[in-house]
Amino acid sequence: MSEPRNAIKLENGDTLTDESAEVARIWVTDGAGSSVWIDAAVLEDPTVFGYLMGDTIRHAARAYAQAWDLDEDEALQRIVDGTFSELRDQIGDLDTIEEGKLN
């Protein structure tokens, strides 16, 4: 399957090598929810995955601040609020495609 036209372009970013591994891929479809793939085999300890998510949220706050002319701290707080809300309220059901593999 080829990458959809809306895929994030990776050129001009960090150099990926044979030692690099994709851990997660997240897509959203307008009006249809999200699609999330996670390769849990890449990081054995779920705590390390949590560190990665924390780093991802910090990068996201900067990206939102730059793209939407927001204060970075405000963007970070809004992302954290949304994350906690989703985890606390468990909004929506999760459908698992492959147990223990890509999800």
Protein backbone atom coordinates (compact mmCIF):
# COMPACT_ATOMS: atom_id res chain seq x y z
CA MET A 1 0.00 0.00 0.00
CA SER A 2 1.37 3.42 -0.89
CA GLU A 3 1.35 6.31 1.55
CA PRO A 4 -1.83 8.39 1.42
CA ARG A 5 -1.38 11.89 0.00
CA ASN A 6 -1.83 13.40 3.48
CA ALA A 7 1.10 11.47 5.00
CA ILE A 8 3.62 13.59 6.91
CA LYS A 9 6.72 14.10 4.79
CA LEU A 10 9.90 12.81 6.44
CA GLU A 11 12.51 14.56 4.30
CA ASN A 12 14.56 17.31 5.98
CA GLY A 13 14.09 15.58 9.34
CA ASP A 14 16.35 13.37 11.40
CA THR A 15 18.31 10.77 9.51
CA LEU A 16 16.67 7.37 9.92
CA THR A 17 19.02 4.39 9.83
CA ASP A 18 18.80 0.61 10.06
CA GLU A 19 18.79 1.18 13.84
CA SER A 20 15.61 3.32 13.62
CA ALA A 21 12.22 1.71 14.26
CA GLU A 22 8.71 3.06 13.87
CA VAL A 23 6.83 2.67 17.16
CA ALA A 24 3.46 4.26 16.43
CA ARG A 25 1.41 5.64 13.57
CA ILE A 26 -1.71 7.74 14.14
CA TRP A 27 -4.30 8.77 11.56
CA VAL A 28 -7.55 10.65 11.90
CA THR A 29 -10.39 10.52 9.38
CA ASP A 30 -12.76 13.48 9.37
CA GLY A 31 -15.96 12.37 11.08
CA ALA A 32 -14.82 8.77 11.46
CA GLY A 33 -12.40 8.78 14.40
CA SER A 34 -8.81 7.65 14.63
CA SER A 35 -6.69 4.74 13.48
CA VAL A 36 -3.71 3.89 15.69
CA TRP A 37 -1.00 1.32 15.04
CA ILE A 38 1.52 0.46 17.75
CA ASP A 39 4.38 -2.00 17.45
CA ALA A 40 4.84 -2.92 21.12
CA ALA A 41 7.74 -5.21 20.20
CA VAL A 42 9.96 -2.14 19.63
CA LEU A 43 9.92 -1.01 23.26
CA GLU A 44 9.73 -3.85 25.78
CA ASP A 45 8.97 -1.64 28.80
CA PRO A 46 5.62 0.22 28.65
CA THR A 47 7.16 2.92 30.86
CA VAL A 48 9.56 3.78 28.04
CA PHE A 49 6.57 4.07 25.71
CA GLY A 50 5.16 6.57 28.24
CA TYR A 51 8.39 8.60 28.08
CA LEU A 52 8.08 8.60 24.29
CA MET A 53 4.48 9.83 24.52
CA GLY A 54 5.59 12.62 26.88
CA ASP A 55 8.27 13.68 24.39
CA THR A 56 5.71 13.47 21.59
CA ILE A 57 3.28 15.71 23.49
CA ARG A 58 6.01 18.32 24.05
CA HIS A 59 6.84 18.30 20.33
CA ALA A 60 3.13 18.55 19.52
CA ALA A 61 2.75 21.61 21.76
CA ARG A 62 5.54 23.37 19.88
CA ALA A 63 4.04 22.37 16.52
CA TYR A 64 0.58 23.65 17.50
CA ALA A 65 2.06 26.88 18.88
CA GLN A 66 3.87 27.54 15.61
CA ALA A 67 1.08 26.40 13.26
CA TRP A 68 -1.78 28.17 15.04
CA ASP A 69 0.02 31.13 16.67
CA LEU A 70 -0.64 29.84 20.20
CA ASP A 71 1.42 30.18 23.32
CA GLU A 72 3.42 26.94 23.63
CA ASP A 73 2.54 26.49 27.32
CA GLU A 74 -1.17 26.95 26.51
CA ALA A 75 -0.94 24.42 23.68
CA LEU A 76 0.82 21.97 26.02
CA GLN A 77 -1.83 22.40 28.71
CA ARG A 78 -4.65 21.87 26.23
CA ILE A 79 -3.03 18.69 24.88
CA VAL A 80 -2.47 17.37 28.41
CA ASP A 81 -6.08 18.23 29.34
CA GLY A 82 -7.36 16.33 26.30
CA THR A 83 -5.10 13.37 27.08
CA PHE A 84 -6.24 13.15 30.70
CA SER A 85 -9.88 13.56 29.67
CA GLU A 86 -9.62 10.68 27.20
CA LEU A 87 -7.86 8.42 29.69
CA ARG A 88 -10.23 9.31 32.54
CA ASP A 89 -13.49 9.05 30.60
CA GLN A 90 -12.45 6.28 28.18
CA ILE A 91 -14.31 7.98 25.33
CA GLY A 92 -15.14 5.50 22.58
CA ASP A 93 -14.47 1.80 22.20
CA LEU A 94 -11.17 0.34 21.06
CA ASP A 95 -11.15 -2.21 18.26
CA THR A 96 -8.01 -4.35 18.16
CA ILE A 97 -6.89 -5.63 14.79
CA GLU A 98 -4.08 -7.97 15.89
CA GLU A 99 -3.77 -8.91 19.56
CA GLY A 100 -0.28 -8.32 20.93
CA LYS A 101 1.09 -7.12 17.62
CA LEU A 102 0.16 -4.10 15.59
CA ASN A 103 -2.83 -2.35 17.09
